[in-house]
């Protein structure tokens, strides 16, 4: 169920513009508005799922499509050969700013080890 105060639900509904790079019936992907790397885009579920912990067994196929779409878009954007990072932040303490399931793809520069 869409959340009326969720920025990603508003993007999905077309109420907020984005630099869309992909869309189908279940996903939308767009460039991050505050990129942390030369290539930084998001793959977002059109269904409002607050966090990865809120995903249910029925979302297994959706999660697989999100990963496959992220990988395809990384290839299209030219970062797959050298490598890229995929990130799913889960909850505020992990850095999740928008409480709506999404995956980040970052590439185009060397990534530091996380620690």
N, C-alpha and C. Protein backbone atom coordinates (compact mmCIF):
# COMPACT_ATOMS: atom_id res chain seq x y z
N UNK A 1 0.84 -1.18 0.00
CA UNK A 1 0.00 0.00 0.00
C UNK A 1 0.89 1.25 0.00
N UNK A 2 0.68 2.15 -0.94
CA UNK A 2 1.49 3.37 -1.00
C UNK A 2 1.35 4.19 0.28
N UNK A 3 2.43 4.84 0.64
CA UNK A 3 2.44 5.72 1.80
C UNK A 3 2.37 7.15 1.29
N UNK A 4 1.45 7.93 1.81
CA UNK A 4 1.23 9.29 1.30
C UNK A 4 2.40 10.22 1.60
N UNK A 5 3.24 9.89 2.58
CA UNK A 5 4.37 10.75 2.89
C UNK A 5 5.71 10.18 2.43
N UNK A 6 5.68 9.10 1.64
CA UNK A 6 6.90 8.45 1.17
C UNK A 6 7.36 9.06 -0.15
N UNK A 7 8.59 9.58 -0.17
CA UNK A 7 9.11 10.22 -1.37
C UNK A 7 9.19 9.23 -2.54
N UNK A 8 9.54 7.97 -2.29
CA UNK A 8 9.63 7.01 -3.39
C UNK A 8 8.25 6.63 -3.91
N UNK A 9 7.25 6.57 -3.05
CA UNK A 9 5.88 6.33 -3.52
C UNK A 9 5.42 7.48 -4.41
N UNK A 10 5.84 8.69 -4.06
CA UNK A 10 5.49 9.86 -4.88
C UNK A 10 6.22 9.83 -6.22
N UNK A 11 7.45 9.34 -6.24
CA UNK A 11 8.17 9.18 -7.51
C UNK A 11 7.48 8.13 -8.36
N UNK A 12 7.13 7.00 -7.76
CA UNK A 12 6.42 5.93 -8.48
C UNK A 12 5.12 6.45 -9.07
N UNK A 13 4.40 7.28 -8.33
CA UNK A 13 3.12 7.83 -8.78
C UNK A 13 3.29 8.97 -9.79
N UNK A 14 4.51 9.41 -10.03
CA UNK A 14 4.75 10.50 -10.97
C UNK A 14 4.54 11.87 -10.37
N UNK A 15 4.40 11.96 -9.05
CA UNK A 15 4.18 13.23 -8.38
C UNK A 15 5.48 14.01 -8.17
N UNK A 16 6.59 13.30 -8.14
CA UNK A 16 7.91 13.92 -8.00
C UNK A 16 8.75 13.44 -9.18
N UNK A 17 9.38 14.36 -9.90
CA UNK A 17 10.19 13.93 -11.05
C UNK A 17 11.49 13.25 -10.61
N UNK A 18 12.02 12.45 -11.52
CA UNK A 18 13.31 11.80 -11.29
C UNK A 18 13.99 11.63 -12.65
N UNK A 19 15.28 11.31 -12.60
CA UNK A 19 16.01 11.00 -13.84
C UNK A 19 15.93 9.49 -14.04
N UNK A 20 14.79 9.07 -14.57
CA UNK A 20 14.47 7.65 -14.72
C UNK A 20 15.38 6.99 -15.76
N UNK A 21 15.88 5.81 -15.40
CA UNK A 21 16.69 5.04 -16.34
C UNK A 21 16.05 3.70 -16.68
N UNK A 22 15.01 3.32 -15.95
CA UNK A 22 14.32 2.05 -16.21
C UNK A 22 12.99 2.07 -15.47
N UNK A 23 12.01 1.40 -16.08
CA UNK A 23 10.73 1.21 -15.40
C UNK A 23 10.03 0.02 -16.02
N UNK A 24 9.41 -0.80 -15.17
CA UNK A 24 8.50 -1.85 -15.62
C UNK A 24 7.34 -1.90 -14.63
N UNK A 25 6.58 -2.98 -14.65
CA UNK A 25 5.38 -3.05 -13.82
C UNK A 25 5.68 -3.11 -12.32
N UNK A 26 6.87 -3.55 -11.93
CA UNK A 26 7.15 -3.72 -10.51
C UNK A 26 8.31 -2.88 -9.98
N UNK A 27 9.10 -2.28 -10.88
CA UNK A 27 10.30 -1.55 -10.47
C UNK A 27 10.44 -0.22 -11.19
N UNK A 28 11.16 0.68 -10.56
CA UNK A 28 11.60 1.90 -11.21
C UNK A 28 13.06 2.11 -10.79
N UNK A 29 13.87 2.59 -11.71
CA UNK A 29 15.28 2.88 -11.41
C UNK A 29 15.57 4.30 -11.88
N UNK A 30 16.36 5.00 -11.08
CA UNK A 30 16.68 6.38 -11.42
C UNK A 30 18.00 6.77 -10.78
N UNK A 31 18.61 7.81 -11.33
CA UNK A 31 19.87 8.33 -10.79
C UNK A 31 19.62 8.95 -9.43
N UNK A 32 20.56 8.73 -8.51
CA UNK A 32 20.47 9.31 -7.17
C UNK A 32 20.67 10.82 -7.27
N UNK A 33 19.89 11.58 -6.51
CA UNK A 33 20.00 13.05 -6.58
C UNK A 33 21.21 13.57 -5.81
N UNK A 34 21.79 12.76 -4.95
CA UNK A 34 23.01 13.13 -4.23
C UNK A 34 24.03 12.01 -4.41
N UNK A 35 24.60 11.91 -5.61
CA UNK A 35 25.47 10.77 -5.91
C UNK A 35 26.73 10.73 -5.06
N UNK A 36 27.09 9.51 -4.66
CA UNK A 36 28.29 9.26 -3.87
C UNK A 36 29.40 8.68 -4.73
N UNK A 37 29.15 8.53 -6.02
CA UNK A 37 30.11 8.00 -6.98
C UNK A 37 29.71 8.52 -8.36
N UNK A 38 30.62 8.45 -9.34
CA UNK A 38 30.27 8.92 -10.69
C UNK A 38 29.01 8.25 -11.24
N UNK A 39 28.83 6.98 -10.94
CA UNK A 39 27.58 6.28 -11.28
C UNK A 39 26.93 5.90 -9.97
N UNK A 40 25.74 6.41 -9.73
CA UNK A 40 25.00 6.09 -8.50
C UNK A 40 23.52 6.15 -8.85
N UNK A 41 22.92 4.97 -8.90
CA UNK A 41 21.49 4.92 -9.19
C UNK A 41 20.80 4.01 -8.20
N UNK A 42 19.49 4.12 -8.16
CA UNK A 42 18.65 3.33 -7.26
C UNK A 42 17.71 2.45 -8.06
N UNK A 43 17.46 1.26 -7.55
CA UNK A 43 16.41 0.39 -8.07
C UNK A 43 15.39 0.28 -6.94
N UNK A 44 14.16 0.68 -7.22
CA UNK A 44 13.13 0.83 -6.20
C UNK A 44 11.93 -0.05 -6.53
N UNK A 45 11.46 -0.74 -5.53
CA UNK A 45 10.22 -1.52 -5.66
C UNK A 45 9.04 -0.55 -5.80
N UNK A 46 8.15 -0.81 -6.70
CA UNK A 46 6.95 0.03 -6.80
C UNK A 46 5.99 -0.26 -5.64
N UNK A 47 6.06 -1.46 -5.11
CA UNK A 47 5.27 -1.79 -3.93
C UNK A 47 5.95 -1.17 -2.72
N UNK A 48 5.19 -0.52 -1.87
CA UNK A 48 5.77 0.07 -0.67
C UNK A 48 6.07 -1.03 0.35
N UNK A 49 7.35 -1.31 0.49
CA UNK A 49 7.87 -2.22 1.52
C UNK A 49 8.89 -1.37 2.26
N UNK A 50 8.69 -1.16 3.53
CA UNK A 50 9.51 -0.18 4.26
C UNK A 50 11.00 -0.54 4.28
N UNK A 51 11.33 -1.77 4.61
CA UNK A 51 12.73 -2.19 4.70
C UNK A 51 12.86 -3.62 4.19
N UNK A 52 14.07 -4.06 4.00
CA UNK A 52 14.30 -5.45 3.61
C UNK A 52 13.73 -6.40 4.65
N UNK A 53 13.77 -6.02 5.92
CA UNK A 53 13.20 -6.86 6.98
C UNK A 53 11.69 -7.00 6.87
N UNK A 54 11.05 -6.10 6.14
CA UNK A 54 9.60 -6.18 5.95
C UNK A 54 9.21 -7.03 4.74
N UNK A 55 10.19 -7.45 3.96
CA UNK A 55 9.91 -8.32 2.82
C UNK A 55 9.43 -9.67 3.32
N UNK A 56 8.50 -10.23 2.61
CA UNK A 56 7.91 -11.52 2.96
C UNK A 56 8.29 -12.55 1.92
N UNK A 57 8.04 -13.83 2.19
CA UNK A 57 8.34 -14.86 1.19
C UNK A 57 7.74 -14.56 -0.19
N UNK A 58 6.59 -13.91 -0.23
CA UNK A 58 5.97 -13.59 -1.52
C UNK A 58 6.77 -12.56 -2.32
N UNK A 59 7.74 -11.91 -1.68
CA UNK A 59 8.57 -10.91 -2.36
C UNK A 59 9.85 -11.49 -2.95
N UNK A 60 10.04 -12.78 -2.83
CA UNK A 60 11.28 -13.41 -3.30
C UNK A 60 11.54 -13.10 -4.77
N UNK A 61 10.54 -13.26 -5.61
CA UNK A 61 10.71 -12.98 -7.04
C UNK A 61 11.02 -11.51 -7.28
N UNK A 62 10.35 -10.63 -6.57
CA UNK A 62 10.60 -9.19 -6.69
C UNK A 62 12.04 -8.86 -6.34
N UNK A 63 12.54 -9.42 -5.25
CA UNK A 63 13.93 -9.16 -4.83
C UNK A 63 14.91 -9.65 -5.89
N UNK A 64 14.64 -10.80 -6.49
CA UNK A 64 15.48 -11.31 -7.56
C UNK A 64 15.46 -10.40 -8.78
N UNK A 65 14.29 -9.88 -9.12
CA UNK A 65 14.18 -8.95 -10.26
C UNK A 65 14.94 -7.66 -9.97
N UNK A 66 14.90 -7.21 -8.71
CA UNK A 66 15.63 -5.99 -8.35
C UNK A 66 17.13 -6.20 -8.57
N UNK A 67 17.66 -7.32 -8.09
CA UNK A 67 19.09 -7.60 -8.27
C UNK A 67 19.46 -7.75 -9.73
N UNK A 68 18.66 -8.49 -10.49
CA UNK A 68 18.96 -8.70 -11.91
C UNK A 68 18.90 -7.38 -12.67
N UNK A 69 17.94 -6.53 -12.34
CA UNK A 69 17.82 -5.24 -13.00
C UNK A 69 19.00 -4.35 -12.66
N UNK A 70 19.41 -4.33 -11.40
CA UNK A 70 20.56 -3.55 -11.00
C UNK A 70 21.80 -3.99 -11.77
N UNK A 71 22.02 -5.29 -11.90
CA UNK A 71 23.19 -5.79 -12.63
C UNK A 71 23.14 -5.39 -14.11
N UNK A 72 21.97 -5.50 -14.72
CA UNK A 72 21.84 -5.14 -16.14
C UNK A 72 22.11 -3.65 -16.33
N UNK A 73 21.57 -2.83 -15.45
CA UNK A 73 21.78 -1.38 -15.58
C UNK A 73 23.24 -1.01 -15.33
N UNK A 74 23.90 -1.71 -14.41
CA UNK A 74 25.34 -1.47 -14.17
C UNK A 74 26.13 -1.79 -15.43
N UNK A 75 25.76 -2.87 -16.13
CA UNK A 75 26.44 -3.18 -17.40
C UNK A 75 26.17 -2.08 -18.42
N UNK A 76 24.92 -1.64 -18.53
CA UNK A 76 24.57 -0.60 -19.49
C UNK A 76 25.28 0.71 -19.19
N UNK A 77 25.51 1.01 -17.93
CA UNK A 77 26.19 2.26 -17.54
C UNK A 77 27.71 2.13 -17.57
N UNK A 78 28.20 0.93 -17.91
CA UNK A 78 29.63 0.74 -18.13
C UNK A 78 30.47 0.53 -16.89
N UNK A 79 29.85 0.17 -15.76
CA UNK A 79 30.65 -0.02 -14.54
C UNK A 79 30.83 -1.49 -14.17
N UNK A 80 30.20 -2.39 -14.88
CA UNK A 80 30.27 -3.80 -14.50
C UNK A 80 31.65 -4.40 -14.72
N UNK A 81 32.36 -3.98 -15.75
CA UNK A 81 33.67 -4.54 -16.06
C UNK A 81 34.67 -4.28 -14.94
N UNK A 82 34.74 -3.05 -14.48
CA UNK A 82 35.68 -2.69 -13.41
C UNK A 82 35.15 -3.05 -12.03
N UNK A 83 33.85 -3.10 -11.90
CA UNK A 83 33.24 -3.44 -10.61
C UNK A 83 32.39 -2.31 -10.08
N UNK A 84 31.42 -2.68 -9.28
CA UNK A 84 30.50 -1.72 -8.68
C UNK A 84 30.01 -2.30 -7.36
N UNK A 85 29.44 -1.46 -6.55
CA UNK A 85 28.91 -1.87 -5.25
C UNK A 85 27.39 -1.83 -5.29
N UNK A 86 26.77 -2.83 -4.68
CA UNK A 86 25.33 -2.84 -4.48
C UNK A 86 25.09 -2.72 -2.99
N UNK A 87 24.15 -1.87 -2.60
CA UNK A 87 23.89 -1.64 -1.19
C UNK A 87 22.39 -1.63 -0.94
N UNK A 88 21.99 -2.33 0.11
CA UNK A 88 20.63 -2.22 0.64
C UNK A 88 20.79 -1.81 2.11
N UNK A 89 20.46 -0.58 2.43
CA UNK A 89 20.48 -0.14 3.82
C UNK A 89 19.15 -0.55 4.45
N UNK A 90 19.21 -1.08 5.66
CA UNK A 90 18.01 -1.57 6.32
C UNK A 90 17.89 -0.90 7.69
N UNK A 91 17.08 0.14 7.75
CA UNK A 91 16.85 0.85 9.00
C UNK A 91 17.73 2.07 9.14
N UNK A 92 17.32 2.97 10.03
CA UNK A 92 18.02 4.25 10.22
C UNK A 92 19.47 4.08 10.62
N UNK A 93 19.77 3.15 11.53
CA UNK A 93 21.14 2.97 12.00
C UNK A 93 22.07 2.52 10.88
N UNK A 94 21.51 1.91 9.84
CA UNK A 94 22.31 1.46 8.69
C UNK A 94 22.42 2.53 7.61
N UNK A 95 21.74 3.65 7.81
CA UNK A 95 21.80 4.73 6.83
C UNK A 95 20.62 4.79 5.88
N UNK A 96 19.57 4.02 6.16
CA UNK A 96 18.38 4.09 5.28
C UNK A 96 17.66 5.41 5.55
N UNK A 97 17.66 6.27 4.55
CA UNK A 97 17.05 7.60 4.69
C UNK A 97 15.58 7.57 4.32
N UNK A 98 15.25 6.84 3.25
CA UNK A 98 13.85 6.73 2.80
C UNK A 98 13.34 5.36 3.20
N UNK A 99 12.30 5.28 4.02
CA UNK A 99 11.78 3.99 4.45
C UNK A 99 10.92 3.33 3.37
N UNK A 100 11.58 2.92 2.30
CA UNK A 100 10.95 2.25 1.16
C UNK A 100 12.06 1.41 0.54
N UNK A 101 11.81 0.12 0.37
CA UNK A 101 12.84 -0.80 -0.11
C UNK A 101 13.46 -0.32 -1.43
N UNK A 102 14.79 -0.20 -1.41
CA UNK A 102 15.53 0.20 -2.60
C UNK A 102 16.96 -0.30 -2.51
N UNK A 103 17.59 -0.44 -3.67
CA UNK A 103 18.97 -0.87 -3.77
C UNK A 103 19.76 0.25 -4.44
N UNK A 104 20.95 0.50 -3.90
CA UNK A 104 21.87 1.46 -4.51
C UNK A 104 22.87 0.69 -5.37
N UNK A 105 23.28 1.27 -6.47
CA UNK A 105 24.42 0.79 -7.26
C UNK A 105 25.37 1.97 -7.36
N UNK A 106 26.64 1.72 -7.01
CA UNK A 106 27.67 2.75 -7.04
C UNK A 106 28.87 2.24 -7.81
N UNK A 107 29.38 3.03 -8.73
CA UNK A 107 30.53 2.63 -9.51
C UNK A 107 31.19 3.81 -10.18
N UNK A 108 32.24 3.50 -10.93
CA UNK A 108 32.95 4.55 -11.66
C UNK A 108 34.14 5.09 -10.90
N UNK A 109 34.42 4.54 -9.73
CA UNK A 109 35.61 4.90 -8.96
C UNK A 109 35.89 3.74 -8.02
N UNK A 110 37.14 3.65 -7.51
CA UNK A 110 37.43 2.61 -6.53
C UNK A 110 36.62 2.84 -5.25
N UNK A 111 36.10 1.77 -4.69
CA UNK A 111 35.33 1.85 -3.45
C UNK A 111 36.24 1.48 -2.29
N UNK A 112 36.14 2.22 -1.22
CA UNK A 112 36.89 1.89 0.00
C UNK A 112 36.26 0.68 0.66
N UNK A 113 37.08 -0.06 1.37
CA UNK A 113 36.56 -1.17 2.17
C UNK A 113 35.72 -0.60 3.30
N UNK A 114 34.66 -1.29 3.61
CA UNK A 114 33.80 -0.85 4.70
C UNK A 114 34.33 -1.44 6.00
N UNK A 115 34.26 -0.69 7.07
CA UNK A 115 34.78 -1.23 8.31
C UNK A 115 34.38 -0.45 9.51
